[in-house]
Protein backbone atom coordinates (compact mmCIF):
# COMPACT_ATOMS: atom_id res chain seq x y z
CA MET A 1 0.00 0.00 0.00
CA LYS A 2 0.86 3.65 -0.18
CA ILE A 3 0.67 4.76 3.44
CA LEU A 4 0.87 8.17 5.10
CA VAL A 5 2.44 8.03 8.56
CA THR A 6 2.27 11.30 10.45
CA GLY A 7 4.76 12.02 13.22
CA THR A 8 7.69 10.18 11.61
CA ALA A 9 10.28 12.45 13.23
CA GLY A 10 8.71 11.33 16.49
CA PHE A 11 9.16 8.26 18.63
CA ILE A 12 6.49 5.75 17.55
CA GLY A 13 6.12 7.18 14.05
CA TYR A 14 9.81 6.62 13.33
CA HIS A 15 9.64 2.97 14.38
CA LEU A 16 6.39 2.33 12.47
CA ALA A 17 7.66 3.90 9.24
CA GLU A 18 10.81 1.79 9.44
CA ARG A 19 8.73 -1.37 9.87
CA LEU A 20 6.26 -0.60 7.07
CA ILE A 21 9.10 0.12 4.65
CA ALA A 22 10.77 -3.17 5.61
CA ASP A 23 7.44 -4.89 4.89
CA GLY A 24 7.50 -3.52 1.33
CA HIS A 25 5.06 -0.62 1.56
CA GLU A 26 5.52 2.83 0.07
CA VAL A 27 5.57 5.28 2.97
CA ILE A 28 5.33 9.03 3.07
CA GLY A 29 6.30 10.45 6.45
CA LEU A 30 5.04 13.78 7.73
CA ASP A 31 6.12 15.85 10.72
CA VAL A 32 6.14 19.53 11.65
CA ILE A 33 9.37 19.08 13.69
CA ASN A 34 8.36 21.45 16.48
CA ASP A 35 10.61 22.30 19.42
CA TYR A 36 8.54 20.62 22.17
CA TYR A 37 11.73 18.64 22.77
CA ASP A 38 15.23 18.55 21.28
CA VAL A 39 14.90 18.83 17.49
CA ASN A 40 18.35 17.25 17.11
CA LEU A 41 16.85 13.93 18.22
CA LYS A 42 14.05 14.33 15.69
CA TYR A 43 16.50 15.06 12.88
CA ALA A 44 18.62 12.10 13.99
CA ARG A 45 15.61 9.82 13.52
CA LEU A 46 15.08 11.27 10.06
CA GLN A 47 18.78 10.88 9.27
CA ASN A 48 18.51 7.22 10.21
CA MET A 49 15.83 6.93 7.52
CA GLY A 50 17.95 8.61 4.87
CA ILE A 51 16.47 12.09 5.17
CA GLU A 52 19.19 14.75 5.36
CA ARG A 53 18.52 17.68 7.67
CA SER A 54 19.76 20.12 5.05
CA ALA A 55 17.15 18.84 2.59
CA VAL A 56 14.18 19.45 4.89
CA ALA A 57 12.17 22.54 4.06
CA TYR A 58 8.56 23.30 4.88
CA GLY A 59 6.19 21.91 2.27
CA ALA A 60 8.93 20.21 0.21
CA MET A 61 8.82 16.46 -0.44
CA VAL A 62 12.19 14.84 0.26
CA GLN A 63 13.25 11.47 -1.13
CA SER A 64 15.21 9.22 1.25
CA LYS A 65 18.79 8.66 0.14
CA THR A 66 18.81 5.10 1.46
CA LEU A 67 15.21 3.89 1.24
CA PRO A 68 13.66 4.01 -2.25
CA THR A 69 10.10 3.64 -0.93
CA TYR A 70 10.32 6.41 1.68
CA ARG A 71 9.68 10.12 1.27
CA PHE A 72 9.27 12.81 3.91
CA ILE A 73 7.49 16.16 4.05
CA GLN A 74 7.61 18.80 6.76
CA LEU A 75 4.06 20.00 7.20
CA ASN A 76 1.81 21.21 10.00
CA LEU A 77 -1.41 19.26 10.47
CA THR A 78 -3.23 22.57 10.91
CA ASP A 79 -2.18 23.58 7.38
CA LYS A 80 -5.53 22.80 5.75
CA GLU A 81 -4.46 23.67 2.21
CA GLY A 82 -1.15 21.84 2.49
CA ILE A 83 -2.69 18.66 3.89
CA ALA A 84 -5.50 18.70 1.33
CA ALA A 85 -3.00 19.11 -1.51
CA LEU A 86 -0.87 16.25 -0.17
CA PHE A 87 -3.83 13.86 -0.06
CA ALA A 88 -5.02 14.94 -3.51
CA LYS A 89 -1.59 14.34 -5.02
CA GLU A 90 -0.64 11.10 -3.30
CA GLN A 91 -4.03 9.33 -3.04
CA PHE A 92 -3.11 7.37 0.06
CA GLU A 93 -4.61 3.94 0.61
CA GLY A 94 -3.84 3.83 4.33
CA VAL A 95 -3.18 6.51 6.94
CA VAL A 96 -1.66 6.14 10.41
CA ASN A 97 -1.96 9.37 12.36
CA LEU A 98 0.62 9.47 15.16
CA ALA A 99 1.37 13.20 15.00
CA ALA A 100 0.08 15.02 18.06
CA GLN A 101 1.13 17.41 20.75
CA ALA A 102 2.48 14.88 23.21
CA GLY A 103 2.81 14.89 26.97
CA VAL A 104 0.24 15.00 29.73
CA ARG A 105 1.86 17.62 31.96
CA TYR A 106 2.69 20.12 29.20
CA SER A 107 -1.07 20.49 28.58
CA LEU A 108 -1.28 22.29 31.92
CA GLU A 109 1.10 24.95 30.63
CA ASN A 110 0.22 25.28 26.95
CA PRO A 111 -3.35 24.07 26.36
CA PHE A 112 -3.84 25.68 22.95
CA ALA A 113 -1.00 23.59 21.50
CA TYR A 114 -3.19 20.55 22.15
CA THR A 115 -6.39 21.84 20.60
CA ASP A 116 -4.46 23.08 17.57
CA SER A 117 -2.56 19.88 16.86
CA ASN A 118 -4.81 17.20 18.29
CA VAL A 119 -8.22 18.55 17.34
CA THR A 120 -7.85 20.97 14.42
CA GLY A 121 -4.97 18.90 13.03
CA PHE A 122 -6.95 15.67 13.27
CA MET A 123 -9.80 17.37 11.43
CA THR A 124 -7.57 17.98 8.40
CA ILE A 125 -6.58 14.30 8.43
CA LEU A 126 -10.23 13.22 8.51
CA GLU A 127 -11.04 15.55 5.63
CA GLY A 128 -8.10 14.19 3.64
CA CYS A 129 -9.26 10.63 4.25
CA ARG A 130 -12.77 11.57 3.18
CA ALA A 131 -11.54 13.21 -0.02
CA VAL A 132 -9.54 10.21 -1.24
CA LYS A 133 -11.67 7.47 0.36
CA VAL A 134 -8.82 5.79 2.25
CA LYS A 135 -9.17 2.09 2.96
CA HIS A 136 -8.30 2.53 6.64
CA LEU A 137 -7.40 5.33 9.04
CA VAL A 138 -5.57 4.20 12.17
CA TYR A 139 -4.90 6.89 14.76
CA ALA A 140 -3.22 7.18 18.13
CA SER A 141 -5.38 7.53 21.19
CA THR A 142 -4.12 6.99 24.73
CA SER A 143 -4.74 5.12 27.96
CA SER A 144 -5.11 8.57 29.52
CA VAL A 145 -8.69 8.73 28.18
CA TYR A 146 -9.72 6.28 30.92
CA GLY A 147 -9.13 9.05 33.46
CA LEU A 148 -11.12 8.47 36.63
CA ASN A 149 -12.16 4.97 35.55
CA THR A 150 -10.46 2.58 37.99
CA HIS A 151 -12.11 -0.69 36.92
CA MET A 152 -9.12 -2.86 36.05
CA PRO A 153 -8.16 -4.08 33.58
CA LEU A 154 -9.17 -1.06 31.53
CA THR A 155 -11.29 -2.04 28.54
CA PRO A 156 -12.53 0.06 25.60
CA HIS A 157 -15.89 -1.69 25.94
CA GLU A 158 -16.64 0.45 29.01
CA SER A 159 -17.12 4.21 28.98
CA ALA A 160 -14.14 6.55 29.23
CA ASP A 161 -15.92 9.82 29.81
CA HIS A 162 -13.92 11.35 32.67
CA PRO A 163 -10.50 12.41 31.31
CA MET A 164 -8.26 14.11 33.84
CA THR A 165 -6.19 16.27 31.47
CA LEU A 166 -6.76 18.31 28.35
CA TYR A 167 -4.39 15.97 26.49
CA ALA A 168 -6.68 13.04 27.29
CA ALA A 169 -9.75 15.08 26.39
CA THR A 170 -8.37 15.89 22.94
CA LYS A 171 -7.65 12.20 22.32
CA LYS A 172 -11.17 11.27 23.39
CA ALA A 173 -12.39 13.97 20.98
CA ASN A 174 -10.41 12.24 18.22
CA GLU A 175 -12.32 9.03 18.85
CA MET A 176 -15.66 10.84 18.66
CA MET A 177 -14.65 12.76 15.53
CA ALA A 178 -13.50 9.54 13.86
CA HIS A 179 -16.80 7.87 14.69
CA SER A 180 -18.76 10.66 13.06
CA TYR A 181 -16.73 10.30 9.84
CA SER A 182 -17.06 6.52 9.91
CA HIS A 183 -20.82 6.93 10.29
CA LEU A 184 -21.34 9.71 7.77
CA PHE A 185 -18.84 8.71 5.08
CA GLN A 186 -18.17 5.00 5.75
CA ILE A 187 -14.45 5.62 6.37
CA PRO A 188 -13.00 2.67 8.31
CA THR A 189 -11.30 4.10 11.40
CA THR A 190 -9.54 2.42 14.31
CA GLY A 191 -8.39 4.32 17.38
CA VAL A 192 -5.53 2.72 19.30
CA ARG A 193 -5.14 3.45 22.99
CA PHE A 194 -1.44 3.18 23.84
CA PHE A 195 -0.30 2.30 27.35
CA THR A 196 2.94 3.95 28.60
CA VAL A 197 5.16 3.35 25.57
CA TYR A 198 8.95 3.21 26.02
CA GLY A 199 12.00 2.02 24.11
CA PRO A 200 14.91 3.13 21.89
CA TRP A 201 14.61 6.59 20.32
CA GLY A 202 12.11 7.58 23.02
CA ARG A 203 11.16 11.14 23.95
CA PRO A 204 13.39 13.05 26.39
CA ASP A 205 10.37 14.00 28.53
CA MET A 206 9.50 10.36 29.22
CA ALA A 207 10.28 8.76 32.59
CA LEU A 208 12.88 6.23 31.43
CA PHE A 209 14.82 8.87 29.51
CA LEU A 210 14.81 11.19 32.53
CA PHE A 211 15.76 8.36 34.90
CA THR A 212 18.67 7.20 32.73
CA LYS A 213 20.07 10.70 32.27
CA ALA A 214 19.86 11.48 36.00
CA ILE A 215 21.28 8.16 37.20
CA LEU A 216 24.29 8.50 34.91
CA ALA A 217 24.87 12.05 36.16
CA GLY A 218 24.54 11.02 39.82
CA GLU A 219 21.52 13.28 40.20
CA PRO A 220 18.27 12.39 42.00
CA ILE A 221 15.33 11.08 40.02
CA LYS A 222 11.82 12.33 40.77
CA VAL A 223 9.66 9.42 41.91
CA PHE A 224 6.01 10.43 42.11
CA ASN A 225 3.45 8.89 44.44
CA ASN A 226 6.45 7.63 46.42
CA GLY A 227 7.08 5.03 43.73
CA ASP A 228 3.73 3.30 44.24
CA MET A 229 2.49 4.08 40.74
CA ILE A 230 1.52 1.02 38.70
CA ARG A 231 1.94 1.21 34.93
CA ASP A 232 1.35 -1.12 32.01
CA PHE A 233 4.71 -0.26 30.40
CA THR A 234 4.60 -1.27 26.72
CA TYR A 235 7.69 -1.70 24.56
CA VAL A 236 7.64 0.26 21.30
CA GLY A 237 8.29 -2.84 19.19
CA ASP A 238 5.12 -4.39 20.58
CA ILE A 239 3.20 -1.21 19.79
CA VAL A 240 4.43 -1.31 16.19
CA GLU A 241 3.52 -4.97 15.74
CA GLY A 242 0.02 -4.24 17.00
CA LEU A 243 -0.34 -1.20 14.73
CA VAL A 244 0.73 -3.15 11.64
CA ARG A 245 -1.79 -5.90 12.33
CA ILE A 246 -4.57 -3.40 12.97
CA LEU A 247 -3.73 -1.40 9.82
CA HIS A 248 -4.15 -4.48 7.64
CA GLN A 249 -7.56 -5.27 9.12
CA PRO A 250 -9.83 -2.28 8.42
CA ALA A 251 -12.60 -1.65 10.92
CA GLN A 252 -15.95 -3.21 10.06
CA PRO A 253 -19.48 -2.44 11.26
CA SER A 254 -20.46 -4.62 14.20
CA ALA A 255 -23.53 -6.79 13.62
CA ALA A 256 -23.92 -7.06 17.38
CA PHE A 257 -24.05 -3.30 17.99
CA ASN A 258 -27.15 -2.35 19.95
CA GLY A 259 -28.16 1.29 20.17
CA LEU A 260 -30.10 0.59 23.38
CA GLN A 261 -26.89 -0.65 25.04
CA PRO A 262 -24.13 0.89 22.91
CA ASP A 263 -20.66 -0.62 23.16
CA PRO A 264 -18.12 2.27 23.07
CA ALA A 265 -15.48 0.16 21.27
CA VAL A 266 -17.55 -0.75 18.19
CA SER A 267 -20.39 0.67 16.12
CA SER A 268 -22.89 0.09 13.34
CA ALA A 269 -20.34 2.17 11.39
CA PRO A 270 -16.87 0.85 10.38
CA TYR A 271 -15.32 2.03 13.63
CA ARG A 272 -13.23 0.46 16.40
CA VAL A 273 -11.26 1.39 19.49
CA VAL A 274 -8.52 -1.05 20.61
CA ASN A 275 -6.02 -1.16 23.49
CA ILE A 276 -2.35 -1.93 22.94
CA GLY A 277 -0.70 -2.56 26.30
CA ASN A 278 1.61 -5.11 27.80
CA ASN A 279 -1.21 -6.48 30.01
CA ASN A 280 1.43 -7.02 32.71
CA PRO A 281 1.50 -3.91 34.92
CA VAL A 282 4.44 -3.33 37.24
CA VAL A 283 5.13 -0.99 40.13
CA LEU A 284 7.26 2.03 39.19
CA LYS A 285 9.93 0.79 41.62
CA THR A 286 10.38 -2.33 39.46
CA TYR A 287 10.83 -0.14 36.36
CA ILE A 288 13.51 1.87 38.20
CA GLU A 289 15.23 -1.33 39.34
CA ALA A 290 15.39 -2.52 35.73
CA ALA A 291 17.14 0.74 34.78
CA GLU A 292 19.56 0.43 37.70
CA LYS A 293 20.42 -3.13 36.69
CA ALA A 294 21.02 -2.19 33.05
CA LEU A 295 23.15 0.81 34.04
CA GLY A 296 24.98 -0.94 36.85
CA LYS A 297 24.32 2.03 39.07
CA LYS A 298 21.83 2.82 41.84
CA ALA A 299 19.41 5.71 41.55
CA ILE A 300 19.14 8.50 44.10
CA GLN A 301 15.39 8.72 44.61
CA GLU A 302 13.48 11.88 45.48
CA LEU A 303 10.09 10.63 46.67
CA LEU A 304 7.29 13.02 45.76
CA PRO A 305 3.46 13.06 45.97
CA MET A 306 1.21 12.29 43.02
CA GLN A 307 1.29 14.90 40.25
CA LEU A 308 -1.82 16.71 39.08
CA GLY A 309 -3.36 14.79 36.17
CA ASP A 310 -1.66 11.47 36.96
CA VAL A 311 -3.51 8.26 37.76
CA PRO A 312 -2.23 5.72 40.30
CA ALA A 313 -2.53 2.68 38.02
CA THR A 314 -3.07 1.47 34.46
CA ASN A 315 -3.67 -2.06 33.21
CA ALA A 316 -4.75 -2.81 29.65
CA ASP A 317 -7.34 -5.39 28.71
CA VAL A 318 -5.90 -6.63 25.41
CA SER A 319 -8.39 -9.41 24.71
CA ASP A 320 -9.53 -7.72 21.48
CA LEU A 321 -5.94 -7.44 20.28
CA VAL A 322 -5.44 -11.14 20.99
CA ASN A 323 -8.78 -12.43 19.67
CA ASP A 324 -9.27 -10.19 16.64
CA TYR A 325 -5.71 -9.43 15.54
CA GLY A 326 -3.85 -12.48 16.82
CA TYR A 327 -1.29 -10.61 18.86
CA LYS A 328 -0.29 -10.12 22.48
CA PRO A 329 2.67 -7.96 23.54
CA GLN A 330 5.44 -10.06 25.05
CA THR A 331 8.39 -7.82 25.90
CA THR A 332 9.16 -7.72 29.62
CA VAL A 333 10.19 -4.52 31.38
CA GLU A 334 13.64 -5.97 32.07
CA VAL A 335 14.26 -6.71 28.39
CA GLY A 336 12.73 -3.48 27.08
CA VAL A 337 14.52 -1.20 29.52
CA ALA A 338 17.86 -2.87 28.72
CA LYS A 339 17.26 -2.25 25.00
CA PHE A 340 16.49 1.41 25.64
CA ILE A 341 19.63 1.90 27.73
CA GLU A 342 21.76 0.14 25.12
CA TRP A 343 20.46 2.64 22.55
CA TYR A 344 20.89 5.60 24.92
CA MET A 345 24.51 4.73 25.71
CA HIS A 346 25.33 4.35 22.03
CA PHE A 347 23.44 7.47 20.85
CA TYR A 348 24.84 9.76 23.53
CA GLY A 349 28.32 8.24 23.44
CA LYS A 350 28.32 7.03 27.04
CA GLN A 351 30.16 3.77 26.37
């Protein structure tokens, strides 16, 4: 297929584009390359895909020097004319929208960045998909949409109507917007709720990145909720495998959908919401211990209370992923953390 992957200078988008190209697809990557975090890391990801930093210019399509089936364009999702022109020219068969303003805590400081990118930007993607009648739109949602729901394991078949942050609210809005387009225009859409993704090429604002940097520098790490947080940490390779399987199985209307007792995860329209999580939650202390083991160095821990917008625990019900897509994430925290630290040491020259 010819596939648009948005956010390919980002963490998950980079890994997914690499996998789809290896599988033989033609991929066009898109990213605005904003300065939410170090742009040098974003350009390094692009460089790894054969896209030279010097060749990147807003609105210009760049051919990879090393991958014949990969091209990249710097574009803002809020650029309605630019996105519309891109869809009209390329006639994508599949779209995976991973571009978004990331981070839960940053939404407390800069809320309009989230509505611009995650709501207005998603609207331009939906309109592009409508214009060219894509075979399947897969888009990133988040476990954060579950918010105040504490019924574990968290399942998309129960309501998620109490988000605790604006970031989560914009992702929930994406799911509702996608449903409307699936219903009105019969566009197959699948929203994927990611659970605490980590791994090589991760974002510098993520916990494992911050922990690794601080431990190596002999500085204290901030451990919220006194380390009693429970997270369903999910390795990026498992996320990518799930995304690929979902992409190749477009959402279908559910014959069992009942408007008197509506299931939030399916619809009479070609619409689905699916969890991708490790389904093996661990206490934050265990995650830190895995980093200490891989680094061969103990962390200095600064125990702090729960942060505003955080939840004490997440645990993904992945029965749909297993039953409908034939996949269950397998990577343990010990293995995944070691892989991240191996990358970090190599990338930042710590060896």
